[in-house]
Amino acid sequence: MIIDTNFLLIPHNYKIDIFNELDYLIEVHHTYVVSTKTIKELEKIAANRGRTGAGAGLALKILEARKDKIEIVPSGMPVDEWIEKYAKETGAIVCTNDKALKNKLKESDIRVISLKGRKKLGFV
């Protein structure tokens, strides 16, 4: 399961434990994957003040706390391009709230999980 940058902001913005929700949605064994570029994006956002910066800071703390369950994959390409390529190659489900990316992934028959109604996660 690939996790996009904006998806990692959900815990702060909507008070949802994304990992518990994902474990509930996907009952079979699964792993989480985050690209190095996603982490760099979060670090850049976390340097800012305000709500978004705080959200990115929390996301980085969550990733650190769950580092034994999250695979960090090196990426030398833009995050959205990497997500699409990696999902096609591995058949992974993508967790994102990016509307344009969701549409692009659905066109490629890649399964997508997103925030539904600001209260829960679900397949798009």
PDB file of N, CA and C in Angstrom:
ATOM      1  N   MET A   1       0.843  -1.149   0.000  1.00  0.00           N
ATOM      2  CA  MET A   1       0.000   0.000   0.000  1.00  0.00           C
ATOM      3  C   MET A   1       0.904   1.231   0.000  1.00  0.00           C
ATOM      4  N   ILE A   2       0.747   2.062  -1.015  1.00  0.00           N
ATOM      5  CA  ILE A   2       1.561   3.264  -1.161  1.00  0.00           C
ATOM      6  C   ILE A   2       0.825   4.432  -0.497  1.00  0.00           C
ATOM      7  N   ILE A   3       1.535   5.202   0.302  1.00  0.00           N
ATOM      8  CA  ILE A   3       0.919   6.336   0.992  1.00  0.00           C
ATOM      9  C   ILE A   3       1.498   7.639   0.449  1.00  0.00           C
ATOM     10  N   ASP A   4       0.611   8.489  -0.039  1.00  0.00           N
ATOM     11  CA  ASP A   4       0.978   9.787  -0.607  1.00  0.00           C
ATOM     12  C   ASP A   4       1.113  10.830   0.511  1.00  0.00           C
ATOM     13  N   THR A   5       1.798  11.901   0.203  1.00  0.00           N
ATOM     14  CA  THR A   5       2.062  12.966   1.171  1.00  0.00           C
ATOM     15  C   THR A   5       0.781  13.501   1.808  1.00  0.00           C
ATOM     16  N   ASN A   6      -0.193  13.868   0.987  1.00  0.00           N
ATOM     17  CA  ASN A   6      -1.406  14.489   1.526  1.00  0.00           C
ATOM     18  C   ASN A   6      -2.211  13.525   2.400  1.00  0.00           C
ATOM     19  N   PHE A   7      -2.082  12.239   2.159  1.00  0.00           N
ATOM     20  CA  PHE A   7      -2.783  11.234   2.960  1.00  0.00           C
ATOM     21  C   PHE A   7      -2.215  11.200   4.373  1.00  0.00           C
ATOM     22  N   LEU A   8      -0.931  11.469   4.483  1.00  0.00           N
ATOM     23  CA  LEU A   8      -0.278  11.467   5.791  1.00  0.00           C
ATOM     24  C   LEU A   8      -0.655  12.693   6.639  1.00  0.00           C
ATOM     25  N   LEU A   9      -1.325  13.663   6.043  1.00  0.00           N
ATOM     26  CA  LEU A   9      -1.783  14.838   6.776  1.00  0.00           C
ATOM     27  C   LEU A   9      -3.160  14.619   7.418  1.00  0.00           C
ATOM     28  N   ILE A  10      -3.838  13.534   7.063  1.00  0.00           N
ATOM     29  CA  ILE A  10      -5.174  13.240   7.580  1.00  0.00           C
ATOM     30  C   ILE A  10      -5.217  13.154   9.107  1.00  0.00           C
ATOM     31  N   PRO A  11      -4.259  12.475   9.759  1.00  0.00           N
ATOM     32  CA  PRO A  11      -4.356  12.380  11.226  1.00  0.00           C
ATOM     33  C   PRO A  11      -4.448  13.745  11.913  1.00  0.00           C
ATOM     34  N   HIS A  12      -3.709  14.714  11.451  1.00  0.00           N
ATOM     35  CA  HIS A  12      -3.746  16.044  12.057  1.00  0.00           C
ATOM     36  C   HIS A  12      -4.996  16.814  11.645  1.00  0.00           C
ATOM     37  N   ASN A  13      -5.321  16.778  10.372  1.00  0.00           N
ATOM     38  CA  ASN A  13      -6.417  17.595   9.862  1.00  0.00           C
ATOM     39  C   ASN A  13      -7.804  17.067  10.212  1.00  0.00           C
ATOM     40  N   TYR A  14      -7.948  15.733  10.315  1.00  0.00           N
ATOM     41  CA  TYR A  14      -9.274  15.147  10.517  1.00  0.00           C
ATOM     42  C   TYR A  14      -9.360  14.222  11.734  1.00  0.00           C
ATOM     43  N   LYS A  15      -8.257  14.125  12.476  1.00  0.00           N
ATOM     44  CA  LYS A  15      -8.230  13.306  13.703  1.00  0.00           C
ATOM     45  C   LYS A  15      -8.604  11.847  13.434  1.00  0.00           C
ATOM     46  N   ILE A  16      -8.096  11.306  12.341  1.00  0.00           N
ATOM     47  CA  ILE A  16      -8.337   9.911  11.969  1.00  0.00           C
ATOM     48  C   ILE A  16      -7.027   9.150  12.048  1.00  0.00           C
ATOM     49  N   ASP A  17      -7.039   8.004  12.700  1.00  0.00           N
ATOM     50  CA  ASP A  17      -5.863   7.131  12.732  1.00  0.00           C
ATOM     51  C   ASP A  17      -5.853   6.335  11.426  1.00  0.00           C
ATOM     52  N   ILE A  18      -5.082   6.812  10.467  1.00  0.00           N
ATOM     53  CA  ILE A  18      -5.113   6.208   9.132  1.00  0.00           C
ATOM     54  C   ILE A  18      -4.661   4.748   9.143  1.00  0.00           C
ATOM     55  N   PHE A  19      -3.728   4.409  10.005  1.00  0.00           N
ATOM     56  CA  PHE A  19      -3.228   3.037  10.001  1.00  0.00           C
ATOM     57  C   PHE A  19      -4.259   2.057  10.572  1.00  0.00           C
ATOM     58  N   ASN A  20      -4.986   2.447  11.602  1.00  0.00           N
ATOM     59  CA  ASN A  20      -6.068   1.593  12.109  1.00  0.00           C
ATOM     60  C   ASN A  20      -7.164   1.448  11.065  1.00  0.00           C
ATOM     61  N   GLU A  21      -7.511   2.547  10.408  1.00  0.00           N
ATOM     62  CA  GLU A  21      -8.538   2.501   9.365  1.00  0.00           C
ATOM     63  C   GLU A  21      -8.112   1.620   8.190  1.00  0.00           C
ATOM     64  N   LEU A  22      -6.852   1.748   7.779  1.00  0.00           N
ATOM     65  CA  LEU A  22      -6.361   0.927   6.666  1.00  0.00           C
ATOM     66  C   LEU A  22      -6.323  -0.550   7.048  1.00  0.00           C
ATOM     67  N   ASP A  23      -5.927  -0.845   8.279  1.00  0.00           N
ATOM     68  CA  ASP A  23      -5.928  -2.238   8.739  1.00  0.00           C
ATOM     69  C   ASP A  23      -7.343  -2.804   8.745  1.00  0.00           C
ATOM     70  N   TYR A  24      -8.323  -1.974   9.043  1.00  0.00           N
ATOM     71  CA  TYR A  24      -9.718  -2.395   9.039  1.00  0.00           C
ATOM     72  C   TYR A  24     -10.198  -2.650   7.604  1.00  0.00           C
ATOM     73  N   LEU A  25      -9.819  -1.765   6.679  1.00  0.00           N
ATOM     74  CA  LEU A  25     -10.234  -1.903   5.275  1.00  0.00           C
ATOM     75  C   LEU A  25      -9.586  -3.095   4.584  1.00  0.00           C
ATOM     76  N   ILE A  26      -8.314  -3.320   4.865  1.00  0.00           N
ATOM     77  CA  ILE A  26      -7.544  -4.370   4.201  1.00  0.00           C
ATOM     78  C   ILE A  26      -7.257  -5.458   5.232  1.00  0.00           C
ATOM     79  N   GLU A  27      -8.040  -6.498   5.215  1.00  0.00           N
ATOM     80  CA  GLU A  27      -7.920  -7.528   6.239  1.00  0.00           C
ATOM     81  C   GLU A  27      -6.774  -8.503   5.992  1.00  0.00           C
ATOM     82  N   VAL A  28      -6.287  -8.583   4.759  1.00  0.00           N
ATOM     83  CA  VAL A  28      -5.172  -9.478   4.471  1.00  0.00           C
ATOM     84  C   VAL A  28      -3.857  -8.787   4.831  1.00  0.00           C
ATOM     85  N   HIS A  29      -2.804  -9.580   4.960  1.00  0.00           N
ATOM     86  CA  HIS A  29      -1.479  -9.024   5.288  1.00  0.00           C
ATOM     87  C   HIS A  29      -1.082  -7.994   4.230  1.00  0.00           C
ATOM     88  N   HIS A  30      -0.580  -6.869   4.687  1.00  0.00           N
ATOM     89  CA  HIS A  30      -0.133  -5.816   3.771  1.00  0.00           C
ATOM     90  C   HIS A  30       1.008  -5.039   4.407  1.00  0.00           C
ATOM     91  N   THR A  31       1.733  -4.344   3.558  1.00  0.00           N
ATOM     92  CA  THR A  31       2.808  -3.489   4.034  1.00  0.00           C
ATOM     93  C   THR A  31       2.544  -2.073   3.522  1.00  0.00           C
ATOM     94  N   TYR A  32       3.189  -1.123   4.165  1.00  0.00           N
ATOM     95  CA  TYR A  32       3.062   0.270   3.768  1.00  0.00           C
ATOM     96  C   TYR A  32       4.352   0.715   3.122  1.00  0.00           C
ATOM     97  N   VAL A  33       4.218   1.515   2.066  1.00  0.00           N
ATOM     98  CA  VAL A  33       5.371   2.006   1.324  1.00  0.00           C
ATOM     99  C   VAL A  33       5.263   3.525   1.202  1.00  0.00           C
ATOM    100  N   VAL A  34       6.371   4.195   1.477  1.00  0.00           N
ATOM    101  CA  VAL A  34       6.464   5.642   1.333  1.00  0.00           C
ATOM    102  C   VAL A  34       7.760   5.931   0.587  1.00  0.00           C
ATOM    103  N   SER A  35       7.708   6.846  -0.371  1.00  0.00           N
ATOM    104  CA  SER A  35       8.928   7.177  -1.119  1.00  0.00           C
ATOM    105  C   SER A  35       9.772   8.187  -0.354  1.00  0.00           C
ATOM    106  N   THR A  36      11.049   8.202  -0.666  1.00  0.00           N
ATOM    107  CA  THR A  36      11.946   9.178  -0.056  1.00  0.00           C
ATOM    108  C   THR A  36      11.518  10.607  -0.412  1.00  0.00           C
ATOM    109  N   LYS A  37      10.955  10.791  -1.585  1.00  0.00           N
ATOM    110  CA  LYS A  37      10.482  12.124  -2.004  1.00  0.00           C
ATOM    111  C   LYS A  37       9.294  12.567  -1.151  1.00  0.00           C
ATOM    112  N   THR A  38       8.455  11.626  -0.745  1.00  0.00           N
ATOM    113  CA  THR A  38       7.329  11.961   0.130  1.00  0.00           C
ATOM    114  C   THR A  38       7.853  12.482   1.461  1.00  0.00           C
ATOM    115  N   ILE A  39       8.858  11.826   1.995  1.00  0.00           N
ATOM    116  CA  ILE A  39       9.441  12.258   3.260  1.00  0.00           C
ATOM    117  C   ILE A  39      10.075  13.640   3.108  1.00  0.00           C
ATOM    118  N   LYS A  40      10.747  13.871   1.986  1.00  0.00           N
ATOM    119  CA  LYS A  40      11.339  15.185   1.740  1.00  0.00           C
ATOM    120  C   LYS A  40      10.248  16.268   1.652  1.00  0.00           C
ATOM    121  N   GLU A  41       9.126  15.937   1.003  1.00  0.00           N
ATOM    122  CA  GLU A  41       8.006  16.885   0.926  1.00  0.00           C
ATOM    123  C   GLU A  41       7.489  17.217   2.328  1.00  0.00           C
ATOM    124  N   LEU A  42       7.329  16.184   3.164  1.00  0.00           N
ATOM    125  CA  LEU A  42       6.847  16.399   4.528  1.00  0.00           C
ATOM    126  C   LEU A  42       7.814  17.255   5.334  1.00  0.00           C
ATOM    127  N   GLU A  43       9.098  16.996   5.182  1.00  0.00           N
ATOM    128  CA  GLU A  43      10.107  17.789   5.897  1.00  0.00           C
ATOM    129  C   GLU A  43      10.049  19.258   5.476  1.00  0.00           C
ATOM    130  N   LYS A  44       9.868  19.500   4.187  1.00  0.00           N
ATOM    131  CA  LYS A  44       9.775  20.864   3.680  1.00  0.00           C
ATOM    132  C   LYS A  44       8.527  21.558   4.227  1.00  0.00           C
ATOM    133  N   ILE A  45       7.406  20.850   4.215  1.00  0.00           N
ATOM    134  CA  ILE A  45       6.151  21.410   4.724  1.00  0.00           C
ATOM    135  C   ILE A  45       6.245  21.657   6.228  1.00  0.00           C
ATOM    136  N   ALA A  46       6.879  20.723   6.954  1.00  0.00           N
ATOM    137  CA  ALA A  46       6.990  20.828   8.409  1.00  0.00           C
ATOM    138  C   ALA A  46       7.808  22.044   8.844  1.00  0.00           C
ATOM    139  N   ALA A  47       8.659  22.549   7.960  1.00  0.00           N
ATOM    140  CA  ALA A  47       9.468  23.726   8.279  1.00  0.00           C
ATOM    141  C   ALA A  47       8.614  24.994   8.341  1.00  0.00           C
ATOM    142  N   ASN A  48       7.403  24.920   7.797  1.00  0.00           N
ATOM    143  CA  ASN A  48       6.494  26.071   7.809  1.00  0.00           C
ATOM    144  C   ASN A  48       5.717  26.136   9.117  1.00  0.00           C
ATOM    145  N   ARG A  49       5.273  27.311   9.440  1.00  0.00           N
ATOM    146  CA  ARG A  49       4.433  27.485  10.624  1.00  0.00           C
ATOM    147  C   ARG A  49       2.982  27.251  10.235  1.00  0.00           C
ATOM    148  N   GLY A  50       2.154  27.125  11.243  1.00  0.00           N
ATOM    149  CA  GLY A  50       0.724  26.998  10.989  1.00  0.00           C
ATOM    150  C   GLY A  50       0.254  25.566  10.957  1.00  0.00           C
ATOM    151  N   ARG A  51      -0.994  25.424  10.560  1.00  0.00           N
ATOM    152  CA  ARG A  51      -1.671  24.129  10.582  1.00  0.00           C
ATOM    153  C   ARG A  51      -1.015  23.082   9.678  1.00  0.00           C
ATOM    154  N   THR A  52      -0.671  23.475   8.472  1.00  0.00           N
ATOM    155  CA  THR A  52      -0.068  22.528   7.541  1.00  0.00           C
ATOM    156  C   THR A  52       1.288  22.063   8.031  1.00  0.00           C
ATOM    157  N   GLY A  53       2.090  22.981   8.534  1.00  0.00           N
ATOM    158  CA  GLY A  53       3.395  22.623   9.075  1.00  0.00           C
ATOM    159  C   GLY A  53       3.273  21.678  10.247  1.00  0.00           C
ATOM    160  N   ALA A  54       2.305  21.947  11.120  1.00  0.00           N
ATOM    161  CA  ALA A  54       2.069  21.067  12.269  1.00  0.00           C
ATOM    162  C   ALA A  54       1.607  19.684  11.811  1.00  0.00           C
ATOM    163  N   GLY A  55       0.778  19.655  10.781  1.00  0.00           N
ATOM    164  CA  GLY A  55       0.309  18.379  10.240  1.00  0.00           C
ATOM    165  C   GLY A  55       1.446  17.547   9.675  1.00  0.00           C
ATOM    166  N   ALA A  56       2.345  18.211   8.959  1.00  0.00           N
ATOM    167  CA  ALA A  56       3.497  17.502   8.393  1.00  0.00           C
ATOM    168  C   ALA A  56       4.432  17.025   9.499  1.00  0.00           C
ATOM    169  N   GLY A  57       4.592  17.831  10.538  1.00  0.00           N
ATOM    170  CA  GLY A  57       5.417  17.419  11.675  1.00  0.00           C
ATOM    171  C   GLY A  57       4.853  16.181  12.345  1.00  0.00           C
ATOM    172  N   LEU A  58       3.534  16.150  12.531  1.00  0.00           N
ATOM    173  CA  LEU A  58       2.885  14.974  13.108  1.00  0.00           C
ATOM    174  C   LEU A  58       3.058  13.766  12.198  1.00  0.00           C
ATOM    175  N   ALA A  59       2.909  13.969  10.900  1.00  0.00           N
ATOM    176  CA  ALA A  59       3.077  12.869   9.942  1.00  0.00           C
ATOM    177  C   ALA A  59       4.476  12.260  10.048  1.00  0.00           C
ATOM    178  N   LEU A  60       5.488  13.100  10.169  1.00  0.00           N
ATOM    179  CA  LEU A  60       6.860  12.599  10.307  1.00  0.00           C
ATOM    180  C   LEU A  60       7.029  11.813  11.602  1.00  0.00           C
ATOM    181  N   LYS A  61       6.399  12.286  12.682  1.00  0.00           N
ATOM    182  CA  LYS A  61       6.461  11.560  13.952  1.00  0.00           C
ATOM    183  C   LYS A  61       5.765  10.205  13.847  1.00  0.00           C
ATOM    184  N   ILE A  62       4.644  10.161  13.163  1.00  0.00           N
ATOM    185  CA  ILE A  62       3.920   8.903  12.976  1.00  0.00           C
ATOM    186  C   ILE A  62       4.763   7.931  12.158  1.00  0.00           C
ATOM    187  N   LEU A  63       5.387   8.418  11.100  1.00  0.00           N
ATOM    188  CA  LEU A  63       6.246   7.558  10.280  1.00  0.00           C
ATOM    189  C   LEU A  63       7.403   7.002  11.112  1.00  0.00           C
ATOM    190  N   GLU A  64       7.993   7.838  11.948  1.00  0.00           N
ATOM    191  CA  GLU A  64       9.096   7.400  12.796  1.00  0.00           C
ATOM    192  C   GLU A  64       8.618   6.345  13.792  1.00  0.00           C
ATOM    193  N   ALA A  65       7.455   6.550  14.370  1.00  0.00           N
ATOM    194  CA  ALA A  65       6.923   5.603  15.357  1.00  0.00           C
ATOM    195  C   ALA A  65       6.577   4.254  14.726  1.00  0.00           C
ATOM    196  N   ARG A  66       6.250   4.262  13.447  1.00  0.00           N
ATOM    197  CA  ARG A  66       5.851   3.029  12.752  1.00  0.00           C
ATOM    198  C   ARG A  66       6.913   2.549  11.760  1.00  0.00           C
ATOM    199  N   LYS A  67       8.135   3.001  11.939  1.00  0.00           N
ATOM    200  CA  LYS A  67       9.183   2.695  10.958  1.00  0.00           C
ATOM    201  C   LYS A  67       9.415   1.207  10.755  1.00  0.00           C
ATOM    202  N   ASP A  68       9.065   0.390  11.723  1.00  0.00           N
ATOM    203  CA  ASP A  68       9.229  -1.053  11.572  1.00  0.00           C
ATOM    204  C   ASP A  68       8.174  -1.658  10.644  1.00  0.00           C
ATOM    205  N   LYS A  69       7.106  -0.906  10.352  1.00  0.00           N
ATOM    206  CA  LYS A  69       6.026  -1.406   9.503  1.00  0.00           C
ATOM    207  C   LYS A  69       5.913  -0.664   8.179  1.00  0.00           C
ATOM    208  N   ILE A  70       6.806   0.311   7.965  1.00  0.00           N
ATOM    209  CA  ILE A  70       6.747   1.121   6.746  1.00  0.00           C
ATOM    210  C   ILE A  70       8.060   0.994   5.992  1.00  0.00           C
ATOM    211  N   GLU A  71       7.958   0.628   4.731  1.00  0.00           N
ATOM    212  CA  GLU A  71       9.146   0.533   3.890  1.00  0.00           C
ATOM    213  C   GLU A  71       9.367   1.878   3.198  1.00  0.00           C
ATOM    214  N   ILE A  72      10.553   2.410   3.339  1.00  0.00           N
ATOM    215  CA  ILE A  72      10.920   3.653   2.658  1.00  0.00           C
ATOM    216  C   ILE A  72      11.650   3.259   1.375  1.00  0.00           C
ATOM    217  N   VAL A  73      11.082   3.674   0.244  1.00  0.00           N
ATOM    218  CA  VAL A  73      11.634   3.284  -1.051  1.00  0.00           C
ATOM    219  C   VAL A  73      12.268   4.502  -1.717  1.00  0.00           C
ATOM    220  N   PRO A  74      13.530   4.372  -2.135  1.00  0.00           N
ATOM    221  CA  PRO A  74      14.198   5.487  -2.815  1.00  0.00           C
ATOM    222  C   PRO A  74      13.482   5.855  -4.114  1.00  0.00           C
ATOM    223  N   SER A  75      13.408   7.148  -4.376  1.00  0.00           N
ATOM    224  CA  SER A  75      12.763   7.624  -5.594  1.00  0.00           C
ATOM    225  C   SER A  75      13.511   8.836  -6.115  1.00  0.00           C
ATOM    226  N   GLY A  76      13.790   8.829  -7.401  1.00  0.00           N
ATOM    227  CA  GLY A  76      14.463   9.955  -8.029  1.00  0.00           C
ATOM    228  C   GLY A  76      13.544  10.725  -8.955  1.00  0.00           C
ATOM    229  N   MET A  77      12.252  10.427  -8.892  1.00  0.00           N
ATOM    230  CA  MET A  77      11.298  11.094  -9.785  1.00  0.00           C
ATOM    231  C   MET A  77      10.226  11.800  -8.949  1.00  0.00           C
ATOM    232  N   PRO A  78       9.441  12.681  -9.565  1.00  0.00           N
ATOM    233  CA  PRO A  78       8.363  13.350  -8.824  1.00  0.00           C
ATOM    234  C   PRO A  78       7.429  12.325  -8.174  1.00  0.00           C
ATOM    235  N   VAL A  79       6.887  12.698  -7.022  1.00  0.00           N
ATOM    236  CA  VAL A  79       6.106  11.757  -6.206  1.00  0.00           C
ATOM    237  C   VAL A  79       4.956  11.122  -6.981  1.00  0.00           C
ATOM    238  N   ASP A  80       4.139  11.918  -7.651  1.00  0.00           N
ATOM    239  CA  ASP A  80       2.974  11.353  -8.347  1.00  0.00           C
ATOM    240  C   ASP A  80       3.382  10.379  -9.450  1.00  0.00           C
ATOM    241  N   GLU A  81       4.430  10.712 -10.187  1.00  0.00           N
ATOM    242  CA  GLU A  81       4.920   9.810 -11.237  1.00  0.00           C
ATOM    243  C   GLU A  81       5.429   8.513 -10.624  1.00  0.00           C
ATOM    244  N   TRP A  82       6.158   8.629  -9.527  1.00  0.00           N
ATOM    245  CA  TRP A  82       6.690   7.444  -8.853  1.00  0.00           C
ATOM    246  C   TRP A  82       5.548   6.566  -8.338  1.00  0.00           C
ATOM    247  N   ILE A  83       4.540   7.186  -7.743  1.00  0.00           N
ATOM    248  CA  ILE A  83       3.405   6.430  -7.204  1.00  0.00           C
ATOM    249  C   ILE A  83       2.742   5.623  -8.313  1.00  0.00           C
ATOM    250  N   GLU A  84       2.461   6.263  -9.437  1.00  0.00           N
ATOM    251  CA  GLU A  84       1.803   5.557 -10.541  1.00  0.00           C
ATOM    252  C   GLU A  84       2.673   4.414 -11.066  1.00  0.00           C
ATOM    253  N   LYS A  85       3.942   4.681 -11.257  1.00  0.00           N
ATOM    254  CA  LYS A  85       4.868   3.656 -11.768  1.00  0.00           C
ATOM    255  C   LYS A  85       4.987   2.489 -10.788  1.00  0.00           C
ATOM    256  N   TYR A  86       5.186   2.793  -9.524  1.00  0.00           N
ATOM    257  CA  TYR A  86       5.363   1.754  -8.509  1.00  0.00           C
ATOM    258  C   TYR A  86       4.089   0.925  -8.358  1.00  0.00           C
ATOM    259  N   ALA A  87       2.938   1.588  -8.380  1.00  0.00           N
ATOM    260  CA  ALA A  87       1.665   0.870  -8.258  1.00  0.00           C
ATOM    261  C   ALA A  87       1.434  -0.058  -9.448  1.00  0.00           C
ATOM    262  N   LYS A  88       1.768   0.408 -10.652  1.00  0.00           N
ATOM    263  CA  LYS A  88       1.624  -0.445 -11.838  1.00  0.00           C
ATOM    264  C   LYS A  88       2.544  -1.659 -11.760  1.00  0.00           C
ATOM    265  N   GLU A  89       3.769  -1.436 -11.311  1.00  0.00           N
ATOM    266  CA  GLU A  89       4.751  -2.519 -11.245  1.00  0.00           C
ATOM    267  C   GLU A  89       4.424  -3.547 -10.164  1.00  0.00           C
ATOM    268  N   THR A  90       3.865  -3.105  -9.060  1.00  0.00           N
ATOM    269  CA  THR A  90       3.665  -3.993  -7.912  1.00  0.00           C
ATOM    270  C   THR A  90       2.215  -4.381  -7.658  1.00  0.00           C
ATOM    271  N   GLY A  91       1.281  -3.689  -8.285  1.00  0.00           N
ATOM    272  CA  GLY A  91      -0.129  -3.942  -8.033  1.00  0.00           C
ATOM    273  C   GLY A  91      -0.593  -3.381  -6.702  1.00  0.00           C
ATOM    274  N   ALA A  92       0.156  -2.447  -6.160  1.00  0.00           N
ATOM    275  CA  ALA A  92      -0.158  -1.872  -4.852  1.00  0.00           C
ATOM    276  C   ALA A  92      -1.391  -0.972  -4.905  1.00  0.00           C
ATOM    277  N   ILE A  93      -2.067  -0.885  -3.787  1.00  0.00           N
ATOM    278  CA  ILE A  93      -3.160   0.062  -3.590  1.00  0.00           C
ATOM    279  C   ILE A  93      -2.522   1.400  -3.229  1.00  0.00           C
ATOM    280  N   VAL A  94      -3.107   2.501  -3.713  1.00  0.00           N
ATOM    281  CA  VAL A  94      -2.568   3.828  -3.427  1.00  0.00           C
ATOM    282  C   VAL A  94      -3.507   4.572  -2.490  1.00  0.00           C
ATOM    283  N   CYS A  95      -2.931   5.177  -1.458  1.00  0.00           N
ATOM    284  CA  CYS A  95      -3.674   5.994  -0.502  1.00  0.00           C
ATOM    285  C   CYS A  95      -3.354   7.452  -0.785  1.00  0.00           C
ATOM    286  N   THR A  96      -4.346   8.191  -1.300  1.00  0.00           N
ATOM    287  CA  THR A  96      -4.137   9.594  -1.654  1.00  0.00           C
ATOM    288  C   THR A  96      -5.444  10.367  -1.595  1.00  0.00           C
ATOM    289  N   ASN A  97      -5.337  11.671  -1.405  1.00  0.00           N
ATOM    290  CA  ASN A  97      -6.486  12.565  -1.496  1.00  0.00           C
ATOM    291  C   ASN A  97      -6.359  13.502  -2.689  1.00  0.00           C
ATOM    292  N   ASP A  98      -5.310  13.348  -3.468  1.00  0.00           N
ATOM    293  CA  ASP A  98      -5.051  14.195  -4.628  1.00  0.00           C
ATOM    294  C   ASP A  98      -6.028  13.816  -5.742  1.00  0.00           C
ATOM    295  N   LYS A  99      -6.950  14.732  -6.052  1.00  0.00           N
ATOM    296  CA  LYS A  99      -8.013  14.436  -7.019  1.00  0.00           C
ATOM    297  C   LYS A  99      -7.469  14.061  -8.402  1.00  0.00           C
ATOM    298  N   ALA A 100      -6.519  14.834  -8.895  1.00  0.00           N
ATOM    299  CA  ALA A 100      -5.958  14.551 -10.227  1.00  0.00           C
ATOM    300  C   ALA A 100      -5.253  13.193 -10.234  1.00  0.00           C
ATOM    301  N   LEU A 101      -4.509  12.898  -9.177  1.00  0.00           N
ATOM    302  CA  LEU A 101      -3.812  11.619  -9.101  1.00  0.00           C
ATOM    303  C   LEU A 101      -4.815  10.473  -9.001  1.00  0.00           C
ATOM    304  N   LYS A 102      -5.862  10.645  -8.205  1.00  0.00           N
ATOM    305  CA  LYS A 102      -6.894   9.597  -8.084  1.00  0.00           C
ATOM    306  C   LYS A 102      -7.487   9.274  -9.448  1.00  0.00           C
ATOM    307  N   ASN A 103      -7.835  10.312 -10.218  1.00  0.00           N
ATOM    308  CA  ASN A 103      -8.416  10.097 -11.542  1.00  0.00           C
ATOM    309  C   ASN A 103      -7.453   9.377 -12.474  1.00  0.00           C
ATOM    310  N   LYS A 104      -6.203   9.778 -12.440  1.00  0.00           N
ATOM    311  CA  LYS A 104      -5.190   9.161 -13.289  1.00  0.00           C
ATOM    312  C   LYS A 104      -5.000   7.686 -12.920  1.00  0.00           C
ATOM    313  N   LEU A 105      -4.970   7.402 -11.620  1.00  0.00           N
ATOM    314  CA  LEU A 105      -4.793   6.023 -11.166  1.00  0.00           C
ATOM    315  C   LEU A 105      -5.992   5.167 -11.521  1.00  0.00           C
ATOM    316  N   LYS A 106      -7.191   5.710 -11.375  1.00  0.00           N
ATOM    317  CA  LYS A 106      -8.397   4.947 -11.719  1.00  0.00           C
ATOM    318  C   LYS A 106      -8.421   4.604 -13.201  1.00  0.00           C
ATOM    319  N   GLU A 107      -7.948   5.524 -14.050  1.00  0.00           N
ATOM    320  CA  GLU A 107      -7.870   5.261 -15.491  1.00  0.00           C
ATOM    321  C   GLU A 107      -6.935   4.093 -15.785  1.00  0.00           C
ATOM    322  N   SER A 108      -5.943   3.899 -14.922  1.00  0.00           N
ATOM    323  CA  SER A 108      -4.985   2.805 -15.085  1.00  0.00           C
ATOM    324  C   SER A 108      -5.400   1.559 -14.297  1.00  0.00           C
ATOM    325  N   ASP A 109      -6.643   1.551 -13.787  1.00  0.00           N
ATOM    326  CA  ASP A 109      -7.169   0.419 -13.007  1.00  0.00           C
ATOM    327  C   ASP A 109      -6.357   0.128 -11.752  1.00  0.00           C
ATOM    328  N   ILE A 110      -5.847   1.166 -11.133  1.00  0.00           N
ATOM    329  CA  ILE A 110      -5.124   1.032  -9.868  1.00  0.00           C
ATOM    330  C   ILE A 110      -6.109   1.372  -8.752  1.00  0.00           C
ATOM    331  N   ARG A 111      -6.184   0.505  -7.745  1.00  0.00           N
ATOM    332  CA  ARG A 111      -7.113   0.729  -6.633  1.00  0.00           C
ATOM    333  C   ARG A 111      -6.625   1.882  -5.762  1.00  0.00           C
ATOM    334  N   VAL A 112      -7.584   2.708  -5.315  1.00  0.00           N
ATOM    335  CA  VAL A 112      -7.261   3.913  -4.563  1.00  0.00           C
ATOM    336  C   VAL A 112      -8.119   3.984  -3.300  1.00  0.00           C
ATOM    337  N   ILE A 113      -7.474   4.332  -2.194  1.00  0.00           N
ATOM    338  CA  ILE A 113      -8.173   4.603  -0.944  1.00  0.00           C
ATOM    339  C   ILE A 113      -8.010   6.091  -0.659  1.00  0.00           C
ATOM    340  N   SER A 114      -9.131   6.711  -0.228  1.00  0.00           N
ATOM    341  CA  SER A 114      -9.128   8.142   0.014  1.00  0.00           C
ATOM    342  C   SER A 114     -10.032   8.464   1.203  1.00  0.00           C
ATOM    343  N   LEU A 115      -9.970   9.700   1.640  1.00  0.00           N
ATOM    344  CA  LEU A 115     -10.833  10.172   2.714  1.00  0.00           C
ATOM    345  C   LEU A 115     -12.256  10.298   2.177  1.00  0.00           C
ATOM    346  N   LYS A 116     -13.212   9.776   2.938  1.00  0.00           N
ATOM    347  CA  LYS A 116     -14.622   9.841   2.547  1.00  0.00           C
ATOM    348  C   LYS A 116     -15.380  10.664   3.579  1.00  0.00           C
ATOM    349  N   GLY A 117     -15.975  11.741   3.162  1.00  0.00           N
ATOM    350  CA  GLY A 117     -16.819  12.535   4.031  1.00  0.00           C
ATOM    351  C   GLY A 117     -16.154  13.083   5.282  1.00  0.00           C
ATOM    352  N   ARG A 118     -14.859  13.256   5.254  1.00  0.00           N
ATOM    353  CA  ARG A 118     -14.093  13.817   6.375  1.00  0.00           C
ATOM    354  C   ARG A 118     -14.165  12.985   7.650  1.00  0.00           C
ATOM    355  N   LYS A 119     -14.655  11.745   7.540  1.00  0.00           N
ATOM    356  CA  LYS A 119     -14.829  10.937   8.748  1.00  0.00           C
ATOM    357  C   LYS A 119     -14.209   9.565   8.670  1.00  0.00           C
ATOM    358  N   LYS A 120     -14.034   9.029   7.464  1.00  0.00           N
ATOM    359  CA  LYS A 120     -13.493   7.689   7.340  1.00  0.00           C
ATOM    360  C   LYS A 120     -12.769   7.531   6.011  1.00  0.00           C
ATOM    361  N   LEU A 121     -12.076   6.417   5.895  1.00  0.00           N
ATOM    362  CA  LEU A 121     -11.369   6.096   4.659  1.00  0.00           C
ATOM    363  C   LEU A 121     -12.156   5.052   3.889  1.00  0.00           C
ATOM    364  N   GLY A 122     -12.028   5.088   2.559  1.00  0.00           N
ATOM    365  CA  GLY A 122     -12.709   4.093   1.745  1.00  0.00           C
ATOM    366  C   GLY A 122     -12.136   4.045   0.352  1.00  0.00           C
ATOM    367  N   PHE A 123     -12.503   2.997  -0.368  1.00  0.00           N
ATOM    368  CA  PHE A 123     -12.074   2.865  -1.761  1.00  0.00           C
ATOM    369  C   PHE A 123     -12.839   3.847  -2.623  1.00  0.00           C
ATOM    370  N   VAL A 124     -12.144   4.406  -3.607  1.00  0.00           N
ATOM    371  CA  VAL A 124     -12.749   5.374  -4.520  1.00  0.00           C
ATOM    372  C   VAL A 124     -13.328   4.627  -5.698  1.00  0.00           C
TER     373      VAL A 124
END
